[in-house]
Amino acid sequence: MAEQKKLAIIATKGTLDWAYPPFILASTAAALDYEVKIFFTFYGLQLLKKDLTLKISPLGNPGMPMPMGMDKWFPTLGTALPGMEAIMTMMMKSKMKKKGVASIEQLRDICLECDVTMIGCDMTVDLFDMKRDDFIDGIESGGAATFFEFAGEADITLYI
C-alpha cells in the first residue's frame, strides 16, 4: 500500500478572492485522499474567524475583470475612490451566487468535514491582539515550527 500523499498550504491573504484558493485546493486534495494541513498566518488568519466580513480590493489588482469593460476605460486610480471596494465586493458576491459558487463558509466546512487540519498562527494572533473566541471551532493553533514538521515531509507545498 502506498503512503498517503501530503499537501501543505500557507494561507497569508484575507480578502474574498484570496480566500478561495486554499479552501478549494485543500478540499480537492482531501477528496483525493491527501493528508492536508493549512497554516493561516498574518491576514490569512481572517479566514478562520466565525464572522467573516471578507472584501475584494480592486486597487492593485490589474487582473481583476471589471464590469461593463471598465478595465479597458476606467483609470486604475479610480479604483481607490471611496465605495469602490464595497461595490466590487457586492458585485463579486452576486456573480458568485448566480454561478453557484460555494461560499467561503461552505468550503471551510467541507474542509473540516474532510479532516483538513487548519492551524492558526500563534504569533499572528498575539501580534494583532486577536481573541481565540473569534475563531471557528475545530482549528489548531501553533507556530511556524509546528507547521514545518508537516511541510518538510509534504509532497506539495503551496504559498497562497
Protein backbone atom coordinates (compact mmCIF):
# COMPACT_ATOMS: atom_id res chain seq x y z
CA MET A 1 0.00 0.00 0.00
CA ALA A 2 1.35 3.43 -0.99
CA GLU A 3 1.95 6.07 1.66
CA GLN A 4 -0.68 8.82 1.78
CA LYS A 5 0.35 11.95 -0.11
CA LYS A 6 0.57 15.23 1.78
CA LEU A 7 -0.35 18.79 0.83
CA ALA A 8 0.85 21.75 2.90
CA ILE A 9 -0.65 25.19 2.27
CA ILE A 10 0.38 28.52 3.76
CA ALA A 11 -2.53 31.00 3.58
CA THR A 12 -1.47 34.63 4.01
CA LYS A 13 -4.24 36.67 2.40
CA GLY A 14 -7.55 37.72 3.95
CA THR A 15 -9.60 39.04 1.05
CA LEU A 16 -12.57 37.31 -0.56
CA ASP A 17 -10.76 36.49 -3.80
CA TRP A 18 -7.71 35.12 -1.97
CA ALA A 19 -9.87 33.04 0.40
CA TYR A 20 -10.94 30.62 -2.33
CA PRO A 21 -7.62 29.03 -3.42
CA PRO A 22 -6.58 27.47 -0.09
CA PHE A 23 -10.03 26.02 0.61
CA ILE A 24 -10.65 24.77 -2.94
CA LEU A 25 -7.21 23.18 -3.19
CA ALA A 26 -7.41 21.69 0.30
CA SER A 27 -10.88 20.19 -0.15
CA THR A 28 -9.95 18.80 -3.58
CA ALA A 29 -6.76 17.24 -2.24
CA ALA A 30 -8.63 15.77 0.73
CA ALA A 31 -11.17 14.26 -1.67
CA LEU A 32 -8.22 12.68 -3.49
CA ASP A 33 -7.08 11.18 -0.18
CA TYR A 34 -4.24 13.58 0.59
CA GLU A 35 -3.43 14.47 4.15
CA VAL A 36 -3.84 18.26 4.14
CA LYS A 37 -2.77 20.99 6.54
CA ILE A 38 -3.26 24.72 6.06
CA PHE A 39 -1.22 27.22 8.08
CA PHE A 40 -3.09 30.54 8.36
CA THR A 41 -0.79 33.44 9.11
CA PHE A 42 -0.97 37.23 9.03
CA TYR A 43 -4.05 38.35 7.08
CA GLY A 44 -4.91 34.77 6.16
CA LEU A 45 -5.95 34.27 9.77
CA GLN A 46 -9.07 36.32 8.95
CA LEU A 47 -10.36 33.25 7.08
CA LEU A 48 -10.75 31.34 10.34
CA LYS A 49 -12.95 33.90 12.07
CA LYS A 50 -16.52 32.93 12.99
CA ASP A 51 -17.88 36.12 11.47
CA LEU A 52 -16.42 36.65 8.02
CA THR A 53 -16.51 40.12 6.51
CA LEU A 54 -14.30 39.44 3.52
CA LYS A 55 -13.99 42.05 0.81
CA ILE A 56 -12.35 42.39 -2.58
CA SER A 57 -9.93 45.19 -3.24
CA PRO A 58 -9.84 46.27 -6.88
CA LEU A 59 -6.89 48.53 -6.09
CA GLY A 60 -3.61 46.97 -7.15
CA ASN A 61 -5.41 44.03 -8.76
CA PRO A 62 -4.92 44.61 -12.51
CA GLY A 63 -6.00 41.09 -13.42
CA MET A 64 -9.46 41.58 -11.94
CA PRO A 65 -12.11 41.63 -14.67
CA MET A 66 -14.22 44.72 -14.23
CA PRO A 67 -17.92 45.00 -15.06
CA MET A 68 -19.01 46.78 -18.23
CA GLY A 69 -15.48 46.54 -19.61
CA MET A 70 -14.31 49.08 -17.05
CA ASP A 71 -10.85 47.53 -17.07
CA LYS A 72 -10.48 48.92 -20.60
CA TRP A 73 -11.52 52.52 -19.95
CA PHE A 74 -11.70 53.18 -16.19
CA PRO A 75 -8.43 54.54 -14.75
CA THR A 76 -6.71 52.33 -12.18
CA LEU A 77 -6.56 55.26 -9.79
CA GLY A 78 -10.37 55.34 -9.88
CA THR A 79 -10.46 52.04 -8.01
CA ALA A 80 -9.20 53.97 -4.95
CA LEU A 81 -12.36 56.10 -4.84
CA PRO A 82 -14.45 55.76 -1.68
CA GLY A 83 -17.03 53.00 -2.02
CA MET A 84 -15.30 51.09 -4.85
CA GLU A 85 -14.27 48.24 -2.55
CA ALA A 86 -17.85 47.83 -1.32
CA ILE A 87 -19.26 47.99 -4.86
CA MET A 88 -16.78 45.43 -6.22
CA THR A 89 -17.34 43.11 -3.25
CA MET A 90 -21.10 43.26 -3.73
CA MET A 91 -20.79 42.63 -7.47
CA MET A 92 -18.42 39.68 -6.98
CA LYS A 93 -20.63 38.07 -4.34
CA SER A 94 -23.64 38.50 -6.61
CA LYS A 95 -21.82 36.93 -9.57
CA MET A 96 -20.61 34.01 -7.44
CA LYS A 97 -24.13 33.37 -6.18
CA LYS A 98 -25.56 33.45 -9.73
CA LYS A 99 -22.87 30.98 -10.89
CA GLY A 100 -23.48 28.65 -7.92
CA VAL A 101 -20.01 29.10 -6.42
CA ALA A 102 -19.83 27.80 -2.86
CA SER A 103 -19.34 30.38 -0.13
CA ILE A 104 -16.14 30.52 1.90
CA GLU A 105 -18.09 29.28 4.92
CA GLN A 106 -19.29 26.26 2.92
CA LEU A 107 -15.82 25.47 1.61
CA ARG A 108 -14.35 25.85 5.07
CA ASP A 109 -16.96 23.45 6.48
CA ILE A 110 -16.20 20.93 3.73
CA CYS A 111 -12.51 21.12 4.65
CA LEU A 112 -13.32 20.44 8.29
CA GLU A 113 -15.58 17.52 7.33
CA CYS A 114 -12.76 16.10 5.19
CA ASP A 115 -10.30 16.27 8.12
CA VAL A 116 -8.21 19.09 6.70
CA THR A 117 -6.11 20.38 9.58
CA MET A 118 -6.29 24.15 9.92
CA ILE A 119 -3.62 25.80 12.03
CA GLY A 120 -3.90 29.40 13.20
CA CYS A 121 -0.56 31.11 13.69
CA ASP A 122 0.00 31.87 17.38
CA MET A 123 2.37 34.75 16.63
CA THR A 124 -0.21 36.44 14.39
CA VAL A 125 -2.95 36.03 16.99
CA ASP A 126 -0.71 37.75 19.52
CA LEU A 127 0.59 40.37 17.07
CA PHE A 128 -2.89 41.57 16.10
CA ASP A 129 -4.40 41.19 19.60
CA MET A 130 -6.95 38.66 18.37
CA LYS A 131 -9.02 36.52 20.71
CA ARG A 132 -9.26 32.75 20.36
CA ASP A 133 -13.04 33.05 20.84
CA ASP A 134 -13.24 34.91 17.50
CA PHE A 135 -12.29 31.74 15.60
CA ILE A 136 -14.33 28.77 14.45
CA ASP A 137 -14.21 25.51 16.35
CA GLY A 138 -12.08 22.67 15.08
CA ILE A 139 -8.89 24.55 14.35
CA GLU A 140 -5.49 24.08 15.92
CA SER A 141 -3.07 26.76 16.97
CA GLY A 142 0.66 26.64 16.57
CA GLY A 143 3.73 28.34 15.28
CA ALA A 144 5.77 28.05 12.13
CA ALA A 145 7.90 25.28 13.64
CA THR A 146 4.78 23.15 14.15
CA PHE A 147 3.81 23.60 10.53
CA PHE A 148 7.34 22.93 9.23
CA GLU A 149 7.27 19.44 10.74
CA PHE A 150 4.48 18.60 8.31
CA ALA A 151 5.55 20.80 5.38
CA GLY A 152 9.02 19.30 5.38
CA GLU A 153 7.53 15.92 4.56
CA ALA A 154 4.80 17.17 2.20
CA ASP A 155 4.67 16.11 -1.44
CA ILE A 156 3.32 19.54 -2.37
CA THR A 157 3.72 22.85 -0.50
CA LEU A 158 1.86 25.95 -1.68
CA TYR A 159 2.17 29.56 -0.56
CA ILE A 160 -1.04 31.47 -1.17
